[in-house]
């Protein structure tokens, strides 16, 4: 270790001249950035503190005290209600939820707040309408032509895409996604508690279901992948709940499965009743 003092500068501003102990203390307290430049007599050029071997031990100790970055890219970048997410953040979060659920939901959460998952769910549902509505409209418009190619009689193509339907979907779909996620959270979390799980709290359950639901909005927006939503969403939901609450996956499987079964039966009963109602008069 050289007794020579260090001339320090950061972003074009001089930070003065400090000895080794003072620099080490500045790094430990955060007053000095590891990227600050230092120069000693005899040095050929200015060198960043993080590149100087004499400060390696001090920088390692400081790094060990820093909290790890969030596993969810969305929570690392979107820190306020007014923050506009970048496309890279949306894409990274979608990949993390869909393809790396264990690493994503097992990671320590700094705070189980509702803002970040709510923002994700809103942005995901809005983008799903902006992308999915034209794609599904085009598919439904071309349906008579596609059916005619395989010998099914053609019918007149309905006028699906219009601004009225589009703005209705843009207004209703995000609201329905948020309300539906809250309702699903309370039902699923109640079932988790019934099976002895959900000890991370209902906010942890909401966070998990909101990220999974937002990811499924993107999958549903693409006609080619929409058919995978029921199975993929079910698997992802109960696995992510197990990772988030750090408990066996069977509890999430039962909770999500019971709710899905009840919802499916209710929908089936309603559909049958709707078709049978005219004949009951």
C-alpha atoms as a PDB file:
ATOM      1  CA  UNK A   1       0.000   0.000   0.000  1.00  0.00           C
ATOM      2  CA  UNK A   2       1.484   3.361  -1.046  1.00  0.00           C
ATOM      3  CA  UNK A   3       1.642   6.214   1.494  1.00  0.00           C
ATOM      4  CA  UNK A   4       1.080   8.670  -1.324  1.00  0.00           C
ATOM      5  CA  UNK A   5      -2.287  10.493  -1.108  1.00  0.00           C
ATOM      6  CA  UNK A   6      -4.912  10.124  -3.811  1.00  0.00           C
ATOM      7  CA  UNK A   7      -6.171  12.954  -5.991  1.00  0.00           C
ATOM      8  CA  UNK A   8      -9.830  12.221  -6.597  1.00  0.00           C
ATOM      9  CA  UNK A   9     -12.319  13.375  -9.229  1.00  0.00           C
ATOM     10  CA  UNK A  10     -15.803  12.288 -10.249  1.00  0.00           C
ATOM     11  CA  UNK A  11     -17.743  13.438 -13.323  1.00  0.00           C
ATOM     12  CA  UNK A  12     -15.346  16.261 -13.958  1.00  0.00           C
ATOM     13  CA  UNK A  13     -15.463  17.596 -10.390  1.00  0.00           C
ATOM     14  CA  UNK A  14     -12.453  17.503  -8.072  1.00  0.00           C
ATOM     15  CA  UNK A  15     -13.076  15.685  -4.793  1.00  0.00           C
ATOM     16  CA  UNK A  16      -9.821  16.783  -3.177  1.00  0.00           C
ATOM     17  CA  UNK A  17      -6.817  14.836  -1.943  1.00  0.00           C
ATOM     18  CA  UNK A  18      -7.338  11.961   0.520  1.00  0.00           C
ATOM     19  CA  UNK A  19      -5.155   9.301   2.054  1.00  0.00           C
ATOM     20  CA  UNK A  20      -5.843   5.583   1.837  1.00  0.00           C
ATOM     21  CA  UNK A  21      -7.905   5.332   5.019  1.00  0.00           C
ATOM     22  CA  UNK A  22     -10.065   8.309   4.067  1.00  0.00           C
ATOM     23  CA  UNK A  23     -10.774   6.820   0.629  1.00  0.00           C
ATOM     24  CA  UNK A  24     -11.665   3.490   2.205  1.00  0.00           C
ATOM     25  CA  UNK A  25     -14.018   5.224   4.631  1.00  0.00           C
ATOM     26  CA  UNK A  26     -15.603   7.183   1.777  1.00  0.00           C
ATOM     27  CA  UNK A  27     -16.306   3.984  -0.120  1.00  0.00           C
ATOM     28  CA  UNK A  28     -17.799   2.340   2.964  1.00  0.00           C
ATOM     29  CA  UNK A  29     -20.169   5.253   3.642  1.00  0.00           C
ATOM     30  CA  UNK A  30     -21.118   5.760   0.008  1.00  0.00           C
ATOM     31  CA  UNK A  31     -19.657   9.246  -0.126  1.00  0.00           C
ATOM     32  CA  UNK A  32     -17.247   8.075  -2.809  1.00  0.00           C
ATOM     33  CA  UNK A  33     -18.393   6.129  -5.855  1.00  0.00           C
ATOM     34  CA  UNK A  34     -16.373   3.087  -6.971  1.00  0.00           C
ATOM     35  CA  UNK A  35     -16.321   4.766 -10.393  1.00  0.00           C
ATOM     36  CA  UNK A  36     -14.591   7.870  -9.027  1.00  0.00           C
ATOM     37  CA  UNK A  37     -11.179   8.436 -10.585  1.00  0.00           C
ATOM     38  CA  UNK A  38      -7.973   8.492  -8.518  1.00  0.00           C
ATOM     39  CA  UNK A  39      -4.431   9.554  -9.322  1.00  0.00           C
ATOM     40  CA  UNK A  40      -1.192   9.265  -7.372  1.00  0.00           C
ATOM     41  CA  UNK A  41       2.212  10.618  -8.104  1.00  0.00           C
ATOM     42  CA  UNK A  42       3.853   8.231 -10.507  1.00  0.00           C
ATOM     43  CA  UNK A  43       0.605   7.061 -12.129  1.00  0.00           C
ATOM     44  CA  UNK A  44       0.468   7.297 -15.896  1.00  0.00           C
ATOM     45  CA  UNK A  45      -3.294   8.056 -15.910  1.00  0.00           C
ATOM     46  CA  UNK A  46      -6.371   8.406 -13.741  1.00  0.00           C
ATOM     47  CA  UNK A  47      -7.781   5.043 -12.664  1.00  0.00           C
ATOM     48  CA  UNK A  48     -11.236   4.242 -11.244  1.00  0.00           C
ATOM     49  CA  UNK A  49     -11.204   3.187  -7.603  1.00  0.00           C
ATOM     50  CA  UNK A  50     -12.911  -0.108  -8.434  1.00  0.00           C
ATOM     51  CA  UNK A  51      -9.950  -1.006 -10.677  1.00  0.00           C
ATOM     52  CA  UNK A  52      -7.289  -0.337  -8.026  1.00  0.00           C
ATOM     53  CA  UNK A  53      -6.257  -3.583  -6.313  1.00  0.00           C
ATOM     54  CA  UNK A  54      -5.553  -1.888  -2.967  1.00  0.00           C
ATOM     55  CA  UNK A  55      -9.298  -1.125  -2.613  1.00  0.00           C
ATOM     56  CA  UNK A  56     -10.561  -4.570  -3.704  1.00  0.00           C
ATOM     57  CA  UNK A  57     -11.242  -5.792  -0.161  1.00  0.00           C
ATOM     58  CA  UNK A  58     -13.044  -2.601   0.779  1.00  0.00           C
ATOM     59  CA  UNK A  59     -15.224  -2.703  -2.356  1.00  0.00           C
ATOM     60  CA  UNK A  60     -16.102  -6.373  -1.716  1.00  0.00           C
ATOM     61  CA  UNK A  61     -17.268  -5.509   1.790  1.00  0.00           C
ATOM     62  CA  UNK A  62     -19.407  -2.650   0.466  1.00  0.00           C
ATOM     63  CA  UNK A  63     -20.923  -4.850  -2.261  1.00  0.00           C
ATOM     64  CA  UNK A  64     -21.892  -7.498   0.276  1.00  0.00           C
ATOM     65  CA  UNK A  65     -23.919  -4.907   2.194  1.00  0.00           C
ATOM     66  CA  UNK A  66     -25.897  -3.767  -0.860  1.00  0.00           C
ATOM     67  CA  UNK A  67     -29.300  -5.394  -1.364  1.00  0.00           C
ATOM     68  CA  UNK A  68     -29.548  -7.617  -4.442  1.00  0.00           C
ATOM     69  CA  UNK A  69     -31.334  -6.132  -7.448  1.00  0.00           C
ATOM     70  CA  UNK A  70     -34.995  -7.149  -7.833  1.00  0.00           C
ATOM     71  CA  UNK A  71     -35.495 -10.387  -9.753  1.00  0.00           C
ATOM     72  CA  UNK A  72     -38.499  -8.747 -11.413  1.00  0.00           C
ATOM     73  CA  UNK A  73     -37.164  -6.297 -14.034  1.00  0.00           C
ATOM     74  CA  UNK A  74     -40.439  -4.361 -13.852  1.00  0.00           C
ATOM     75  CA  UNK A  75     -39.904  -3.480 -10.186  1.00  0.00           C
ATOM     76  CA  UNK A  76     -36.349  -2.354 -10.860  1.00  0.00           C
ATOM     77  CA  UNK A  77     -37.322   0.175 -13.534  1.00  0.00           C
ATOM     78  CA  UNK A  78     -40.914   1.209 -12.830  1.00  0.00           C
ATOM     79  CA  UNK A  79     -40.541   2.847  -9.433  1.00  0.00           C
ATOM     80  CA  UNK A  80     -43.377   5.397  -9.583  1.00  0.00           C
ATOM     81  CA  UNK A  81     -46.925   5.645 -10.893  1.00  0.00           C
ATOM     82  CA  UNK A  82     -45.805   8.123 -13.560  1.00  0.00           C
ATOM     83  CA  UNK A  83     -42.855   6.044 -14.736  1.00  0.00           C
ATOM     84  CA  UNK A  84     -43.231   5.022 -18.354  1.00  0.00           C
ATOM     85  CA  UNK A  85     -41.921   1.490 -18.833  1.00  0.00           C
ATOM     86  CA  UNK A  86     -39.424   0.757 -21.553  1.00  0.00           C
ATOM     87  CA  UNK A  87     -40.064  -1.951 -24.102  1.00  0.00           C
ATOM     88  CA  UNK A  88     -36.976  -3.804 -22.875  1.00  0.00           C
ATOM     89  CA  UNK A  89     -38.432  -3.840 -19.352  1.00  0.00           C
ATOM     90  CA  UNK A  90     -41.771  -5.201 -20.569  1.00  0.00           C
ATOM     91  CA  UNK A  91     -40.068  -7.900 -22.596  1.00  0.00           C
ATOM     92  CA  UNK A  92     -37.642  -8.870 -19.808  1.00  0.00           C
ATOM     93  CA  UNK A  93     -40.470  -9.089 -17.262  1.00  0.00           C
ATOM     94  CA  UNK A  94     -42.618 -11.169 -19.599  1.00  0.00           C
ATOM     95  CA  UNK A  95     -39.786 -13.638 -20.187  1.00  0.00           C
ATOM     96  CA  UNK A  96     -38.996 -13.791 -16.464  1.00  0.00           C
ATOM     97  CA  UNK A  97     -42.607 -14.612 -15.556  1.00  0.00           C
ATOM     98  CA  UNK A  98     -43.276 -17.071 -18.371  1.00  0.00           C
ATOM     99  CA  UNK A  99     -39.985 -18.951 -18.532  1.00  0.00           C
ATOM    100  CA  UNK A 100     -38.194 -18.402 -15.202  1.00  0.00           C
ATOM    101  CA  UNK A 101     -40.961 -18.496 -12.572  1.00  0.00           C
ATOM    102  CA  UNK A 102     -38.847 -20.204  -9.923  1.00  0.00           C
ATOM    103  CA  UNK A 103     -36.026 -17.640  -9.962  1.00  0.00           C
ATOM    104  CA  UNK A 104     -38.490 -14.773 -10.420  1.00  0.00           C
ATOM    105  CA  UNK A 105     -40.935 -15.535  -7.624  1.00  0.00           C
ATOM    106  CA  UNK A 106     -38.538 -17.195  -5.184  1.00  0.00           C
ATOM    107  CA  UNK A 107     -36.351 -14.077  -4.992  1.00  0.00           C
ATOM    108  CA  UNK A 108     -36.655 -11.938  -1.888  1.00  0.00           C
ATOM    109  CA  UNK A 109     -39.206  -9.135  -2.230  1.00  0.00           C
ATOM    110  CA  UNK A 110     -38.278  -5.806  -0.660  1.00  0.00           C
ATOM    111  CA  UNK A 111     -41.919  -4.858  -0.040  1.00  0.00           C
ATOM    112  CA  UNK A 112     -45.210  -6.500  -0.994  1.00  0.00           C
ATOM    113  CA  UNK A 113     -46.674  -3.275  -2.331  1.00  0.00           C
ATOM    114  CA  UNK A 114     -49.574  -3.186  -4.750  1.00  0.00           C
ATOM    115  CA  UNK A 115     -48.323  -0.389  -7.025  1.00  0.00           C
ATOM    116  CA  UNK A 116     -45.837  -2.315  -9.172  1.00  0.00           C
ATOM    117  CA  UNK A 117     -48.028  -5.391  -9.875  1.00  0.00           C
ATOM    118  CA  UNK A 118     -51.037  -3.146 -10.490  1.00  0.00           C
ATOM    119  CA  UNK A 119     -49.062  -1.094 -13.004  1.00  0.00           C
ATOM    120  CA  UNK A 120     -47.853  -4.264 -14.709  1.00  0.00           C
ATOM    121  CA  UNK A 121     -51.398  -5.612 -14.959  1.00  0.00           C
ATOM    122  CA  UNK A 122     -52.753  -2.335 -16.343  1.00  0.00           C
ATOM    123  CA  UNK A 123     -49.986  -1.883 -18.902  1.00  0.00           C
ATOM    124  CA  UNK A 124     -50.190  -5.527 -19.959  1.00  0.00           C
ATOM    125  CA  UNK A 125     -53.970  -5.422 -20.462  1.00  0.00           C
ATOM    126  CA  UNK A 126     -53.808  -2.120 -22.366  1.00  0.00           C
ATOM    127  CA  UNK A 127     -51.057  -3.347 -24.679  1.00  0.00           C
ATOM    128  CA  UNK A 128     -52.935  -6.618 -25.141  1.00  0.00           C
ATOM    129  CA  UNK A 129     -55.950  -4.679 -26.444  1.00  0.00           C
ATOM    130  CA  UNK A 130     -53.798  -2.476 -28.695  1.00  0.00           C
ATOM    131  CA  UNK A 131     -52.082  -5.504 -30.216  1.00  0.00           C
ATOM    132  CA  UNK A 132     -54.684  -8.234 -29.882  1.00  0.00           C
ATOM    133  CA  UNK A 133     -57.808  -6.403 -31.025  1.00  0.00           C
ATOM    134  CA  UNK A 134     -56.545  -5.798 -34.595  1.00  0.00           C
ATOM    135  CA  UNK A 135     -55.120  -9.329 -34.838  1.00  0.00           C
ATOM    136  CA  UNK A 136     -58.299 -11.040 -33.649  1.00  0.00           C
ATOM    137  CA  UNK A 137     -60.429  -8.733 -35.782  1.00  0.00           C
ATOM    138  CA  UNK A 138     -58.387  -9.632 -38.842  1.00  0.00           C
ATOM    139  CA  UNK A 139     -58.672 -13.331 -38.058  1.00  0.00           C
ATOM    140  CA  UNK A 140     -62.450 -13.167 -37.608  1.00  0.00           C
ATOM    141  CA  UNK A 141     -62.801 -11.123 -40.773  1.00  0.00           C
ATOM    142  CA  UNK A 142     -60.822 -13.691 -42.770  1.00  0.00           C
ATOM    143  CA  UNK A 143     -62.629 -16.627 -41.195  1.00  0.00           C
ATOM    144  CA  UNK A 144     -65.151 -17.129 -44.038  1.00  0.00           C
ATOM    145  CA  UNK A 145     -62.317 -17.157 -46.573  1.00  0.00           C
ATOM    146  CA  UNK A 146     -60.255 -19.601 -44.507  1.00  0.00           C
ATOM    147  CA  UNK A 147     -63.252 -21.879 -43.988  1.00  0.00           C
ATOM    148  CA  UNK A 148     -63.996 -21.777 -47.709  1.00  0.00           C
ATOM    149  CA  UNK A 149     -60.511 -23.086 -48.438  1.00  0.00           C
ATOM    150  CA  UNK A 150     -61.311 -26.294 -46.571  1.00  0.00           C
ATOM    151  CA  UNK A 151     -64.756 -26.758 -48.105  1.00  0.00           C
ATOM    152  CA  UNK A 152     -66.925 -25.126 -45.427  1.00  0.00           C
ATOM    153  CA  UNK A 153     -69.586 -22.862 -46.967  1.00  0.00           C
ATOM    154  CA  UNK A 154     -68.610 -19.214 -46.781  1.00  0.00           C
ATOM    155  CA  UNK A 155     -70.703 -16.670 -44.964  1.00  0.00           C
ATOM    156  CA  UNK A 156     -70.561 -12.915 -45.023  1.00  0.00           C
ATOM    157  CA  UNK A 157     -67.681 -11.538 -42.976  1.00  0.00           C
ATOM    158  CA  UNK A 158     -68.952  -9.488 -40.041  1.00  0.00           C
ATOM    159  CA  UNK A 159     -67.723  -5.951 -39.537  1.00  0.00           C
ATOM    160  CA  UNK A 160     -65.682  -6.742 -36.416  1.00  0.00           C
ATOM    161  CA  UNK A 161     -63.112  -3.951 -36.322  1.00  0.00           C
ATOM    162  CA  UNK A 162     -64.573  -0.572 -35.572  1.00  0.00           C
ATOM    163  CA  UNK A 163     -63.599   2.229 -33.246  1.00  0.00           C
ATOM    164  CA  UNK A 164     -66.611   1.755 -30.969  1.00  0.00           C
ATOM    165  CA  UNK A 165     -65.700  -1.836 -30.106  1.00  0.00           C
ATOM    166  CA  UNK A 166     -62.028  -0.929 -29.875  1.00  0.00           C
ATOM    167  CA  UNK A 167     -62.479   1.878 -27.336  1.00  0.00           C
ATOM    168  CA  UNK A 168     -64.938  -0.193 -25.343  1.00  0.00           C
ATOM    169  CA  UNK A 169     -62.365  -2.956 -25.083  1.00  0.00           C
ATOM    170  CA  UNK A 170     -59.660  -0.433 -24.198  1.00  0.00           C
ATOM    171  CA  UNK A 171     -61.781   0.894 -21.345  1.00  0.00           C
ATOM    172  CA  UNK A 172     -63.311  -2.334 -20.046  1.00  0.00           C
ATOM    173  CA  UNK A 173     -60.523  -4.903 -20.417  1.00  0.00           C
ATOM    174  CA  UNK A 174     -57.967  -3.267 -18.040  1.00  0.00           C
ATOM    175  CA  UNK A 175     -60.675  -2.610 -15.444  1.00  0.00           C
ATOM    176  CA  UNK A 176     -61.926  -6.186 -15.705  1.00  0.00           C
ATOM    177  CA  UNK A 177     -58.357  -7.484 -15.366  1.00  0.00           C
ATOM    178  CA  UNK A 178     -57.762  -5.513 -12.161  1.00  0.00           C
ATOM    179  CA  UNK A 179     -61.127  -6.341 -10.567  1.00  0.00           C
ATOM    180  CA  UNK A 180     -60.861  -9.979 -11.609  1.00  0.00           C
ATOM    181  CA  UNK A 181     -57.369 -10.260 -10.131  1.00  0.00           C
ATOM    182  CA  UNK A 182     -58.499  -8.822  -6.804  1.00  0.00           C
ATOM    183  CA  UNK A 183     -61.472 -11.209  -6.651  1.00  0.00           C
ATOM    184  CA  UNK A 184     -59.305 -14.154  -7.663  1.00  0.00           C
ATOM    185  CA  UNK A 185     -56.702 -13.174  -5.063  1.00  0.00           C
ATOM    186  CA  UNK A 186     -59.127 -13.223  -2.154  1.00  0.00           C
ATOM    187  CA  UNK A 187     -60.652 -16.537  -3.222  1.00  0.00           C
ATOM    188  CA  UNK A 188     -57.329 -18.254  -3.944  1.00  0.00           C
ATOM    189  CA  UNK A 189     -55.656 -16.858  -0.847  1.00  0.00           C
ATOM    190  CA  UNK A 190     -58.588 -17.976   1.297  1.00  0.00           C
ATOM    191  CA  UNK A 191     -58.207 -21.491  -0.114  1.00  0.00           C
ATOM    192  CA  UNK A 192     -54.456 -21.391   0.475  1.00  0.00           C
ATOM    193  CA  UNK A 193     -55.040 -20.485   4.106  1.00  0.00           C
ATOM    194  CA  UNK A 194     -57.585 -23.280   4.351  1.00  0.00           C
ATOM    195  CA  UNK A 195     -54.885 -25.739   3.262  1.00  0.00           C
ATOM    196  CA  UNK A 196     -52.344 -24.282   5.679  1.00  0.00           C
ATOM    197  CA  UNK A 197     -50.492 -22.127   3.133  1.00  0.00           C
ATOM    198  CA  UNK A 198     -50.369 -18.534   1.969  1.00  0.00           C
ATOM    199  CA  UNK A 199     -48.252 -17.471   4.929  1.00  0.00           C
ATOM    200  CA  UNK A 200     -46.582 -14.749   2.887  1.00  0.00           C
ATOM    201  CA  UNK A 201     -49.814 -12.761   3.068  1.00  0.00           C
ATOM    202  CA  UNK A 202     -52.514 -11.847   0.587  1.00  0.00           C
ATOM    203  CA  UNK A 203     -50.357  -9.113  -0.929  1.00  0.00           C
ATOM    204  CA  UNK A 204     -47.837 -11.754  -1.955  1.00  0.00           C
ATOM    205  CA  UNK A 205     -50.666 -13.745  -3.532  1.00  0.00           C
ATOM    206  CA  UNK A 206     -51.935 -10.657  -5.360  1.00  0.00           C
ATOM    207  CA  UNK A 207     -48.446  -9.814  -6.614  1.00  0.00           C
ATOM    208  CA  UNK A 208     -48.022 -13.321  -7.984  1.00  0.00           C
ATOM    209  CA  UNK A 209     -51.422 -13.517  -9.676  1.00  0.00           C
ATOM    210  CA  UNK A 210     -51.087  -9.996 -11.100  1.00  0.00           C
ATOM    211  CA  UNK A 211     -47.792 -10.794 -12.816  1.00  0.00           C
ATOM    212  CA  UNK A 212     -49.091 -14.136 -14.069  1.00  0.00           C
ATOM    213  CA  UNK A 213     -52.350 -12.552 -15.241  1.00  0.00           C
ATOM    214  CA  UNK A 214     -50.522  -9.768 -17.056  1.00  0.00           C
ATOM    215  CA  UNK A 215     -48.297 -12.285 -18.813  1.00  0.00           C
ATOM    216  CA  UNK A 216     -51.365 -14.258 -19.881  1.00  0.00           C
ATOM    217  CA  UNK A 217     -52.849 -11.056 -21.353  1.00  0.00           C
ATOM    218  CA  UNK A 218     -49.899 -10.917 -23.743  1.00  0.00           C
ATOM    219  CA  UNK A 219     -50.248 -14.613 -24.618  1.00  0.00           C
ATOM    220  CA  UNK A 220     -53.990 -14.241 -25.193  1.00  0.00           C
ATOM    221  CA  UNK A 221     -53.459 -11.261 -27.495  1.00  0.00           C
ATOM    222  CA  UNK A 222     -51.725 -13.449 -30.089  1.00  0.00           C
ATOM    223  CA  UNK A 223     -54.193 -15.792 -31.849  1.00  0.00           C
ATOM    224  CA  UNK A 224     -51.497 -18.416 -32.422  1.00  0.00           C
ATOM    225  CA  UNK A 225     -50.718 -18.729 -28.705  1.00  0.00           C
ATOM    226  CA  UNK A 226     -54.136 -18.001 -27.175  1.00  0.00           C
ATOM    227  CA  UNK A 227     -55.104 -21.680 -27.020  1.00  0.00           C
ATOM    228  CA  UNK A 228     -52.265 -22.258 -24.530  1.00  0.00           C
ATOM    229  CA  UNK A 229     -53.663 -19.796 -21.975  1.00  0.00           C
ATOM    230  CA  UNK A 230     -55.880 -22.206 -19.947  1.00  0.00           C
ATOM    231  CA  UNK A 231     -53.218 -24.852 -19.345  1.00  0.00           C
ATOM    232  CA  UNK A 232     -50.199 -22.512 -19.268  1.00  0.00           C
ATOM    233  CA  UNK A 233     -51.955 -20.057 -16.979  1.00  0.00           C
ATOM    234  CA  UNK A 234     -53.053 -22.796 -14.595  1.00  0.00           C
ATOM    235  CA  UNK A 235     -49.591 -24.370 -14.359  1.00  0.00           C
ATOM    236  CA  UNK A 236     -47.860 -21.024 -14.016  1.00  0.00           C
ATOM    237  CA  UNK A 237     -50.279 -19.772 -11.359  1.00  0.00           C
ATOM    238  CA  UNK A 238     -49.997 -22.668  -8.917  1.00  0.00           C
ATOM    239  CA  UNK A 239     -46.232 -23.073  -9.430  1.00  0.00           C
ATOM    240  CA  UNK A 240     -45.593 -19.356  -8.941  1.00  0.00           C
ATOM    241  CA  UNK A 241     -47.730 -19.333  -5.781  1.00  0.00           C
ATOM    242  CA  UNK A 242     -45.634 -22.144  -4.361  1.00  0.00           C
ATOM    243  CA  UNK A 243     -42.403 -20.300  -5.188  1.00  0.00           C
ATOM    244  CA  UNK A 244     -43.679 -16.970  -3.854  1.00  0.00           C
ATOM    245  CA  UNK A 245     -44.909 -18.337  -0.529  1.00  0.00           C
ATOM    246  CA  UNK A 246     -42.041 -20.855  -0.351  1.00  0.00           C
ATOM    247  CA  UNK A 247     -44.339 -23.765   0.325  1.00  0.00           C
ATOM    248  CA  UNK A 248     -45.304 -27.043  -1.420  1.00  0.00           C
ATOM    249  CA  UNK A 249     -46.875 -26.554  -4.836  1.00  0.00           C
ATOM    250  CA  UNK A 250     -49.811 -28.871  -4.080  1.00  0.00           C
ATOM    251  CA  UNK A 251     -51.486 -26.145  -2.005  1.00  0.00           C
ATOM    252  CA  UNK A 252     -51.452 -23.757  -4.936  1.00  0.00           C
ATOM    253  CA  UNK A 253     -52.578 -26.579  -7.210  1.00  0.00           C
ATOM    254  CA  UNK A 254     -55.633 -27.256  -5.052  1.00  0.00           C
ATOM    255  CA  UNK A 255     -56.455 -23.578  -4.545  1.00  0.00           C
ATOM    256  CA  UNK A 256     -56.209 -22.636  -8.227  1.00  0.00           C
ATOM    257  CA  UNK A 257     -57.754 -25.932  -9.338  1.00  0.00           C
ATOM    258  CA  UNK A 258     -60.824 -25.597  -7.115  1.00  0.00           C
ATOM    259  CA  UNK A 259     -61.416 -22.039  -8.259  1.00  0.00           C
ATOM    260  CA  UNK A 260     -60.964 -23.007 -11.913  1.00  0.00           C
ATOM    261  CA  UNK A 261     -63.342 -25.952 -11.521  1.00  0.00           C
ATOM    262  CA  UNK A 262     -66.007 -23.852  -9.810  1.00  0.00           C
ATOM    263  CA  UNK A 263     -65.619 -21.100 -12.404  1.00  0.00           C
ATOM    264  CA  UNK A 264     -65.799 -23.583 -15.272  1.00  0.00           C
ATOM    265  CA  UNK A 265     -68.895 -25.291 -13.892  1.00  0.00           C
ATOM    266  CA  UNK A 266     -70.561 -21.945 -13.297  1.00  0.00           C
ATOM    267  CA  UNK A 267     -69.849 -20.883 -16.848  1.00  0.00           C
ATOM    268  CA  UNK A 268     -71.125 -24.184 -18.215  1.00  0.00           C
ATOM    269  CA  UNK A 269     -74.340 -23.933 -16.210  1.00  0.00           C
ATOM    270  CA  UNK A 270     -74.887 -20.377 -17.357  1.00  0.00           C
ATOM    271  CA  UNK A 271     -74.276 -21.348 -20.993  1.00  0.00           C
ATOM    272  CA  UNK A 272     -76.682 -24.291 -20.837  1.00  0.00           C
ATOM    273  CA  UNK A 273     -79.293 -22.150 -19.117  1.00  0.00           C
ATOM    274  CA  UNK A 274     -78.944 -19.451 -21.779  1.00  0.00           C
ATOM    275  CA  UNK A 275     -79.514 -21.965 -24.581  1.00  0.00           C
ATOM    276  CA  UNK A 276     -82.353 -23.743 -22.774  1.00  0.00           C
ATOM    277  CA  UNK A 277     -84.183 -20.618 -21.665  1.00  0.00           C
ATOM    278  CA  UNK A 278     -86.090 -20.063 -24.959  1.00  0.00           C
ATOM    279  CA  UNK A 279     -87.445 -23.637 -24.826  1.00  0.00           C
ATOM    280  CA  UNK A 280     -88.672 -23.220 -21.248  1.00  0.00           C
ATOM    281  CA  UNK A 281     -91.172 -20.550 -22.117  1.00  0.00           C
END
